[in-house]
PDB file of N, CA and C in Angstrom:
ATOM      1  N   MET A   1     -22.005   8.809 -25.917  1.00  0.00           N
ATOM      2  CA  MET A   1     -20.632   8.748 -26.421  1.00  0.00           C
ATOM      3  C   MET A   1     -20.288   7.308 -26.738  1.00  0.00           C
ATOM      4  N   ASN A   2     -19.471   7.150 -27.760  1.00  0.00           N
ATOM      5  CA  ASN A   2     -19.061   5.784 -28.098  1.00  0.00           C
ATOM      6  C   ASN A   2     -17.798   5.403 -27.335  1.00  0.00           C
ATOM      7  N   ARG A   3     -17.557   4.124 -27.280  1.00  0.00           N
ATOM      8  CA  ARG A   3     -16.433   3.617 -26.488  1.00  0.00           C
ATOM      9  C   ARG A   3     -15.084   4.115 -26.992  1.00  0.00           C
ATOM     10  N   GLU A   4     -14.930   4.272 -28.313  1.00  0.00           N
ATOM     11  CA  GLU A   4     -13.653   4.755 -28.849  1.00  0.00           C
ATOM     12  C   GLU A   4     -13.349   6.161 -28.348  1.00  0.00           C
ATOM     13  N   SER A   5     -14.378   6.998 -28.305  1.00  0.00           N
ATOM     14  CA  SER A   5     -14.185   8.367 -27.808  1.00  0.00           C
ATOM     15  C   SER A   5     -13.774   8.336 -26.337  1.00  0.00           C
ATOM     16  N   CYS A   6     -14.434   7.491 -25.550  1.00  0.00           N
ATOM     17  CA  CYS A   6     -14.102   7.368 -24.132  1.00  0.00           C
ATOM     18  C   CYS A   6     -12.659   6.883 -23.977  1.00  0.00           C
ATOM     19  N   GLN A   7     -12.303   5.837 -24.701  1.00  0.00           N
ATOM     20  CA  GLN A   7     -10.959   5.260 -24.569  1.00  0.00           C
ATOM     21  C   GLN A   7      -9.890   6.264 -24.968  1.00  0.00           C
ATOM     22  N   HIS A   8     -10.125   6.972 -26.050  1.00  0.00           N
ATOM     23  CA  HIS A   8      -9.160   7.963 -26.525  1.00  0.00           C
ATOM     24  C   HIS A   8      -8.892   9.013 -25.447  1.00  0.00           C
ATOM     25  N   LEU A   9      -9.944   9.507 -24.834  1.00  0.00           N
ATOM     26  CA  LEU A   9      -9.780  10.546 -23.823  1.00  0.00           C
ATOM     27  C   LEU A   9      -9.240   9.976 -22.505  1.00  0.00           C
ATOM     28  N   LEU A  10      -9.656   8.790 -22.154  1.00  0.00           N
ATOM     29  CA  LEU A  10      -9.190   8.202 -20.900  1.00  0.00           C
ATOM     30  C   LEU A  10      -7.717   7.808 -20.961  1.00  0.00           C
ATOM     31  N   ASP A  11      -7.197   7.633 -22.160  1.00  0.00           N
ATOM     32  CA  ASP A  11      -5.759   7.372 -22.305  1.00  0.00           C
ATOM     33  C   ASP A  11      -4.935   8.553 -21.766  1.00  0.00           C
ATOM     34  N   SER A  12      -5.536   9.731 -21.780  1.00  0.00           N
ATOM     35  CA  SER A  12      -4.847  10.946 -21.319  1.00  0.00           C
ATOM     36  C   SER A  12      -5.240  11.318 -19.890  1.00  0.00           C
ATOM     37  N   LEU A  13      -5.930  10.449 -19.221  1.00  0.00           N
ATOM     38  CA  LEU A  13      -6.486  10.763 -17.920  1.00  0.00           C
ATOM     39  C   LEU A  13      -5.433  11.109 -16.869  1.00  0.00           C
ATOM     40  N   SER A  14      -4.357  10.369 -16.828  1.00  0.00           N
ATOM     41  CA  SER A  14      -3.323  10.627 -15.838  1.00  0.00           C
ATOM     42  C   SER A  14      -2.752  12.048 -15.997  1.00  0.00           C
ATOM     43  N   ASP A  15      -2.468  12.423 -17.233  1.00  0.00           N
ATOM     44  CA  ASP A  15      -1.979  13.790 -17.483  1.00  0.00           C
ATOM     45  C   ASP A  15      -3.018  14.831 -17.084  1.00  0.00           C
ATOM     46  N   TYR A  16      -4.287  14.531 -17.323  1.00  0.00           N
ATOM     47  CA  TYR A  16      -5.367  15.451 -16.966  1.00  0.00           C
ATOM     48  C   TYR A  16      -5.421  15.649 -15.452  1.00  0.00           C
ATOM     49  N   ILE A  17      -5.398  14.553 -14.699  1.00  0.00           N
ATOM     50  CA  ILE A  17      -5.461  14.616 -13.245  1.00  0.00           C
ATOM     51  C   ILE A  17      -4.243  15.353 -12.681  1.00  0.00           C
ATOM     52  N   ASP A  18      -3.073  15.133 -13.286  1.00  0.00           N
ATOM     53  CA  ASP A  18      -1.845  15.770 -12.829  1.00  0.00           C
ATOM     54  C   ASP A  18      -1.724  17.236 -13.258  1.00  0.00           C
ATOM     55  N   GLY A  19      -2.631  17.683 -14.141  1.00  0.00           N
ATOM     56  CA  GLY A  19      -2.567  19.052 -14.633  1.00  0.00           C
ATOM     57  C   GLY A  19      -1.535  19.245 -15.720  1.00  0.00           C
ATOM     58  N   ASP A  20      -1.130  18.139 -16.379  1.00  0.00           N
ATOM     59  CA  ASP A  20      -0.089  18.203 -17.404  1.00  0.00           C
ATOM     60  C   ASP A  20      -0.628  18.055 -18.821  1.00  0.00           C
ATOM     61  N   LEU A  21      -1.936  18.064 -18.968  1.00  0.00           N
ATOM     62  CA  LEU A  21      -2.535  17.868 -20.288  1.00  0.00           C
ATOM     63  C   LEU A  21      -2.598  19.191 -21.038  1.00  0.00           C
ATOM     64  N   GLY A  22      -2.308  19.146 -22.331  1.00  0.00           N
ATOM     65  CA  GLY A  22      -2.360  20.349 -23.154  1.00  0.00           C
ATOM     66  C   GLY A  22      -3.762  20.957 -23.165  1.00  0.00           C
ATOM     67  N   ASP A  23      -3.826  22.254 -23.403  1.00  0.00           N
ATOM     68  CA  ASP A  23      -5.097  22.990 -23.341  1.00  0.00           C
ATOM     69  C   ASP A  23      -6.161  22.430 -24.268  1.00  0.00           C
ATOM     70  N   THR A  24      -5.801  22.135 -25.495  1.00  0.00           N
ATOM     71  CA  THR A  24      -6.775  21.663 -26.472  1.00  0.00           C
ATOM     72  C   THR A  24      -7.391  20.336 -26.038  1.00  0.00           C
ATOM     73  N   LEU A  25      -6.541  19.398 -25.654  1.00  0.00           N
ATOM     74  CA  LEU A  25      -7.039  18.088 -25.231  1.00  0.00           C
ATOM     75  C   LEU A  25      -7.794  18.195 -23.903  1.00  0.00           C
ATOM     76  N   CYS A  26      -7.369  19.100 -23.056  1.00  0.00           N
ATOM     77  CA  CYS A  26      -8.047  19.309 -21.775  1.00  0.00           C
ATOM     78  C   CYS A  26      -9.492  19.789 -22.006  1.00  0.00           C
ATOM     79  N   VAL A  27      -9.655  20.716 -22.898  1.00  0.00           N
ATOM     80  CA  VAL A  27     -10.996  21.226 -23.231  1.00  0.00           C
ATOM     81  C   VAL A  27     -11.830  20.098 -23.831  1.00  0.00           C
ATOM     82  N   GLU A  28     -11.230  19.308 -24.706  1.00  0.00           N
ATOM     83  CA  GLU A  28     -11.939  18.187 -25.326  1.00  0.00           C
ATOM     84  C   GLU A  28     -12.366  17.171 -24.265  1.00  0.00           C
ATOM     85  N   LEU A  29     -11.478  16.875 -23.332  1.00  0.00           N
ATOM     86  CA  LEU A  29     -11.791  15.915 -22.290  1.00  0.00           C
ATOM     87  C   LEU A  29     -12.897  16.444 -21.378  1.00  0.00           C
ATOM     88  N   GLU A  30     -12.833  17.700 -21.010  1.00  0.00           N
ATOM     89  CA  GLU A  30     -13.858  18.279 -20.146  1.00  0.00           C
ATOM     90  C   GLU A  30     -15.213  18.332 -20.849  1.00  0.00           C
ATOM     91  N   ARG A  31     -15.211  18.589 -22.129  1.00  0.00           N
ATOM     92  CA  ARG A  31     -16.457  18.575 -22.896  1.00  0.00           C
ATOM     93  C   ARG A  31     -17.047  17.163 -22.887  1.00  0.00           C
ATOM     94  N   HIS A  32     -16.182  16.179 -23.051  1.00  0.00           N
ATOM     95  CA  HIS A  32     -16.620  14.783 -23.022  1.00  0.00           C
ATOM     96  C   HIS A  32     -17.178  14.443 -21.638  1.00  0.00           C
ATOM     97  N   LEU A  33     -16.501  14.878 -20.579  1.00  0.00           N
ATOM     98  CA  LEU A  33     -16.961  14.583 -19.221  1.00  0.00           C
ATOM     99  C   LEU A  33     -18.331  15.187 -18.926  1.00  0.00           C
ATOM    100  N   ASP A  34     -18.625  16.326 -19.556  1.00  0.00           N
ATOM    101  CA  ASP A  34     -19.940  16.958 -19.362  1.00  0.00           C
ATOM    102  C   ASP A  34     -21.070  16.062 -19.830  1.00  0.00           C
ATOM    103  N   SER A  35     -20.788  15.220 -20.817  1.00  0.00           N
ATOM    104  CA  SER A  35     -21.858  14.408 -21.394  1.00  0.00           C
ATOM    105  C   SER A  35     -21.715  12.911 -21.132  1.00  0.00           C
ATOM    106  N   CYS A  36     -20.692  12.498 -20.410  1.00  0.00           N
ATOM    107  CA  CYS A  36     -20.461  11.064 -20.196  1.00  0.00           C
ATOM    108  C   CYS A  36     -20.326  10.762 -18.704  1.00  0.00           C
ATOM    109  N   GLU A  37     -21.392  10.263 -18.121  1.00  0.00           N
ATOM    110  CA  GLU A  37     -21.397   9.987 -16.683  1.00  0.00           C
ATOM    111  C   GLU A  37     -20.384   8.915 -16.310  1.00  0.00           C
ATOM    112  N   ASN A  38     -20.218   7.896 -17.137  1.00  0.00           N
ATOM    113  CA  ASN A  38     -19.275   6.820 -16.835  1.00  0.00           C
ATOM    114  C   ASN A  38     -17.847   7.352 -16.722  1.00  0.00           C
ATOM    115  N   CYS A  39     -17.460   8.224 -17.624  1.00  0.00           N
ATOM    116  CA  CYS A  39     -16.114   8.788 -17.577  1.00  0.00           C
ATOM    117  C   CYS A  39     -15.956   9.733 -16.381  1.00  0.00           C
ATOM    118  N   ARG A  40     -17.020  10.463 -16.033  1.00  0.00           N
ATOM    119  CA  ARG A  40     -16.957  11.322 -14.836  1.00  0.00           C
ATOM    120  C   ARG A  40     -16.708  10.478 -13.592  1.00  0.00           C
ATOM    121  N   ILE A  41     -17.358   9.333 -13.527  1.00  0.00           N
ATOM    122  CA  ILE A  41     -17.164   8.437 -12.374  1.00  0.00           C
ATOM    123  C   ILE A  41     -15.715   7.975 -12.322  1.00  0.00           C
ATOM    124  N   VAL A  42     -15.147   7.625 -13.482  1.00  0.00           N
ATOM    125  CA  VAL A  42     -13.756   7.174 -13.531  1.00  0.00           C
ATOM    126  C   VAL A  42     -12.825   8.301 -13.066  1.00  0.00           C
ATOM    127  N   VAL A  43     -13.040   9.497 -13.560  1.00  0.00           N
ATOM    128  CA  VAL A  43     -12.200  10.651 -13.192  1.00  0.00           C
ATOM    129  C   VAL A  43     -12.321  10.941 -11.697  1.00  0.00           C
ATOM    130  N   ASP A  44     -13.548  10.970 -11.181  1.00  0.00           N
ATOM    131  CA  ASP A  44     -13.742  11.236  -9.756  1.00  0.00           C
ATOM    132  C   ASP A  44     -13.076  10.168  -8.894  1.00  0.00           C
ATOM    133  N   THR A  45     -13.207   8.922  -9.299  1.00  0.00           N
ATOM    134  CA  THR A  45     -12.590   7.828  -8.547  1.00  0.00           C
ATOM    135  C   THR A  45     -11.072   7.944  -8.555  1.00  0.00           C
ATOM    136  N   LEU A  46     -10.497   8.253  -9.706  1.00  0.00           N
ATOM    137  CA  LEU A  46      -9.044   8.404  -9.789  1.00  0.00           C
ATOM    138  C   LEU A  46      -8.570   9.575  -8.944  1.00  0.00           C
ATOM    139  N   ARG A  47      -9.274  10.685  -8.998  1.00  0.00           N
ATOM    140  CA  ARG A  47      -8.895  11.853  -8.172  1.00  0.00           C
ATOM    141  C   ARG A  47      -8.921  11.491  -6.689  1.00  0.00           C
ATOM    142  N   LYS A  48      -9.968  10.793  -6.260  1.00  0.00           N
ATOM    143  CA  LYS A  48     -10.062  10.402  -4.855  1.00  0.00           C
ATOM    144  C   LYS A  48      -8.949   9.432  -4.485  1.00  0.00           C
ATOM    145  N   THR A  49      -8.623   8.517  -5.384  1.00  0.00           N
ATOM    146  CA  THR A  49      -7.548   7.552  -5.124  1.00  0.00           C
ATOM    147  C   THR A  49      -6.212   8.263  -4.960  1.00  0.00           C
ATOM    148  N   VAL A  50      -5.913   9.202  -5.851  1.00  0.00           N
ATOM    149  CA  VAL A  50      -4.663   9.962  -5.781  1.00  0.00           C
ATOM    150  C   VAL A  50      -4.618  10.757  -4.479  1.00  0.00           C
ATOM    151  N   TYR A  51      -5.727  11.397  -4.130  1.00  0.00           N
ATOM    152  CA  TYR A  51      -5.786  12.181  -2.898  1.00  0.00           C
ATOM    153  C   TYR A  51      -5.545  11.296  -1.675  1.00  0.00           C
ATOM    154  N   LEU A  52      -6.233  10.169  -1.612  1.00  0.00           N
ATOM    155  CA  LEU A  52      -6.073   9.268  -0.475  1.00  0.00           C
ATOM    156  C   LEU A  52      -4.647   8.755  -0.355  1.00  0.00           C
ATOM    157  N   TYR A  53      -4.034   8.456  -1.474  1.00  0.00           N
ATOM    158  CA  TYR A  53      -2.648   8.018  -1.442  1.00  0.00           C
ATOM    159  C   TYR A  53      -1.738   9.120  -0.893  1.00  0.00           C
ATOM    160  N   GLN A  54      -1.967  10.338  -1.359  1.00  0.00           N
ATOM    161  CA  GLN A  54      -1.117  11.446  -0.943  1.00  0.00           C
ATOM    162  C   GLN A  54      -1.230  11.740   0.548  1.00  0.00           C
ATOM    163  N   VAL A  55      -2.419  11.589   1.112  1.00  0.00           N
ATOM    164  CA  VAL A  55      -2.583  11.924   2.529  1.00  0.00           C
ATOM    165  C   VAL A  55      -2.281  10.762   3.464  1.00  0.00           C
ATOM    166  N   THR A  56      -2.208   9.542   2.934  1.00  0.00           N
ATOM    167  CA  THR A  56      -1.985   8.397   3.819  1.00  0.00           C
ATOM    168  C   THR A  56      -0.657   7.685   3.590  1.00  0.00           C
ATOM    169  N   ALA A  57       0.028   7.989   2.518  1.00  0.00           N
ATOM    170  CA  ALA A  57       1.281   7.288   2.212  1.00  0.00           C
ATOM    171  C   ALA A  57       2.356   7.643   3.229  1.00  0.00           C
ATOM    172  N   GLN A  58       3.049   6.644   3.675  1.00  0.00           N
ATOM    173  CA  GLN A  58       4.161   6.836   4.592  1.00  0.00           C
ATOM    174  C   GLN A  58       5.436   7.002   3.774  1.00  0.00           C
ATOM    175  N   PRO A  59       6.332   7.873   4.209  1.00  0.00           N
ATOM    176  CA  PRO A  59       7.589   8.007   3.472  1.00  0.00           C
ATOM    177  C   PRO A  59       8.376   6.696   3.543  1.00  0.00           C
ATOM    178  N   PRO A  60       9.060   6.370   2.473  1.00  0.00           N
ATOM    179  CA  PRO A  60       9.842   5.119   2.492  1.00  0.00           C
ATOM    180  C   PRO A  60      10.961   5.215   3.531  1.00  0.00           C
ATOM    181  N   THR A  61      11.242   4.105   4.152  1.00  0.00           N
ATOM    182  CA  THR A  61      12.311   4.077   5.143  1.00  0.00           C
ATOM    183  C   THR A  61      13.350   3.050   4.732  1.00  0.00           C
ATOM    184  N   VAL A  62      14.565   3.330   5.099  1.00  0.00           N
ATOM    185  CA  VAL A  62      15.680   2.421   4.849  1.00  0.00           C
ATOM    186  C   VAL A  62      16.100   1.870   6.199  1.00  0.00           C
ATOM    187  N   PRO A  63      16.185   0.563   6.332  1.00  0.00           N
ATOM    188  CA  PRO A  63      16.625   0.000   7.604  1.00  0.00           C
ATOM    189  C   PRO A  63      17.981   0.596   7.997  1.00  0.00           C
ATOM    190  N   ASP A  64      18.162   0.800   9.299  1.00  0.00           N
ATOM    191  CA  ASP A  64      19.356   1.461   9.804  1.00  0.00           C
ATOM    192  C   ASP A  64      20.644   0.767   9.379  1.00  0.00           C
ATOM    193  N   ASP A  65      20.672  -0.568   9.410  1.00  0.00           N
ATOM    194  CA  ASP A  65      21.897  -1.274   9.037  1.00  0.00           C
ATOM    195  C   ASP A  65      22.233  -1.067   7.558  1.00  0.00           C
ATOM    196  N   VAL A  66      21.214  -0.981   6.708  1.00  0.00           N
ATOM    197  CA  VAL A  66      21.450  -0.733   5.281  1.00  0.00           C
ATOM    198  C   VAL A  66      21.966   0.692   5.091  1.00  0.00           C
ATOM    199  N   ARG A  67      21.365   1.639   5.799  1.00  0.00           N
ATOM    200  CA  ARG A  67      21.803   3.037   5.723  1.00  0.00           C
ATOM    201  C   ARG A  67      23.256   3.158   6.142  1.00  0.00           C
ATOM    202  N   GLN A  68      23.615   2.526   7.239  1.00  0.00           N
ATOM    203  CA  GLN A  68      24.980   2.595   7.751  1.00  0.00           C
ATOM    204  C   GLN A  68      25.982   2.017   6.747  1.00  0.00           C
ATOM    205  N   ARG A  69      25.638   0.867   6.168  1.00  0.00           N
ATOM    206  CA  ARG A  69      26.551   0.255   5.181  1.00  0.00           C
ATOM    207  C   ARG A  69      26.693   1.137   3.945  1.00  0.00           C
ATOM    208  N   LEU A  70      25.595   1.728   3.507  1.00  0.00           N
ATOM    209  CA  LEU A  70      25.629   2.591   2.331  1.00  0.00           C
ATOM    210  C   LEU A  70      26.501   3.818   2.601  1.00  0.00           C
ATOM    211  N   LEU A  71      26.303   4.457   3.729  1.00  0.00           N
ATOM    212  CA  LEU A  71      27.115   5.630   4.051  1.00  0.00           C
ATOM    213  C   LEU A  71      28.584   5.273   4.172  1.00  0.00           C
ATOM    214  N   HIS A  72      28.850   4.134   4.769  1.00  0.00           N
ATOM    215  CA  HIS A  72      30.244   3.681   4.889  1.00  0.00           C
ATOM    216  C   HIS A  72      30.845   3.429   3.500  1.00  0.00           C
ATOM    217  N   ARG A  73      30.097   2.749   2.647  1.00  0.00           N
ATOM    218  CA  ARG A  73      30.569   2.406   1.303  1.00  0.00           C
ATOM    219  C   ARG A  73      30.807   3.664   0.466  1.00  0.00           C
ATOM    220  N   LEU A  74      29.991   4.675   0.673  1.00  0.00           N
ATOM    221  CA  LEU A  74      30.139   5.936  -0.057  1.00  0.00           C
ATOM    222  C   LEU A  74      31.171   6.857   0.599  1.00  0.00           C
ATOM    223  N   ASP A  75      31.782   6.354   1.652  1.00  0.00           N
ATOM    224  CA  ASP A  75      32.783   7.102   2.394  1.00  0.00           C
ATOM    225  C   ASP A  75      32.211   8.412   2.925  1.00  0.00           C
ATOM    226  N   LEU A  76      31.043   8.315   3.513  1.00  0.00           N
ATOM    227  CA  LEU A  76      30.402   9.468   4.132  1.00  0.00           C
ATOM    228  C   LEU A  76      30.413   9.274   5.648  1.00  0.00           C
ATOM    229  N   SER A  77      31.583   9.039   6.182  1.00  0.00           N
ATOM    230  CA  SER A  77      31.708   8.696   7.590  1.00  0.00           C
ATOM    231  C   SER A  77      31.180   9.784   8.528  1.00  0.00           C
ATOM    232  N   ASP A  78      31.143  11.025   8.069  1.00  0.00           N
ATOM    233  CA  ASP A  78      30.602  12.095   8.905  1.00  0.00           C
ATOM    234  C   ASP A  78      29.123  11.893   9.228  1.00  0.00           C
ATOM    235  N   PHE A  79      28.443  11.125   8.388  1.00  0.00           N
ATOM    236  CA  PHE A  79      27.019  10.896   8.579  1.00  0.00           C
ATOM    237  C   PHE A  79      26.741   9.609   9.351  1.00  0.00           C
ATOM    238  N   LEU A  80      27.771   8.798   9.558  1.00  0.00           N
ATOM    239  CA  LEU A  80      27.579   7.546  10.296  1.00  0.00           C
ATOM    240  C   LEU A  80      27.306   7.849  11.755  1.00  0.00           C
ATOM    241  N   GLU A  81      26.367   7.105  12.305  1.00  0.00           N
ATOM    242  CA  GLU A  81      26.061   7.274  13.728  1.00  0.00           C
ATOM    243  C   GLU A  81      27.201   6.698  14.540  1.00  0.00           C
ATOM    244  N   LYS A  82      27.565   7.408  15.562  1.00  0.00           N
ATOM    245  CA  LYS A  82      28.617   6.928  16.464  1.00  0.00           C
ATOM    246  C   LYS A  82      27.980   5.949  17.427  1.00  0.00           C
ATOM    247  N   LYS A  83      28.603   4.779  17.533  1.00  0.00           N
ATOM    248  CA  LYS A  83      28.070   3.752  18.451  1.00  0.00           C
ATOM    249  C   LYS A  83      29.080   3.409  19.492  1.00  0.00           C
TER     250      LYS A  83
END
């Protein structure tokens, strides 16, 4: 495969991994992957990276003082912790 073909298909890689790629382009990409080991390595690496992120990522946290000020500012006093 030539580099232009690889680049064209890899531009759609994120949509492919997310399952958001259209059927026609998905078939074209999978056909390309059957014959291009370098692109298969890229796809496998990206899939593993996404998986590792999903299983190890910690949910974002907001410091308690920021949360309290935000709730107060939004006039959500029912949610403020009683101290």
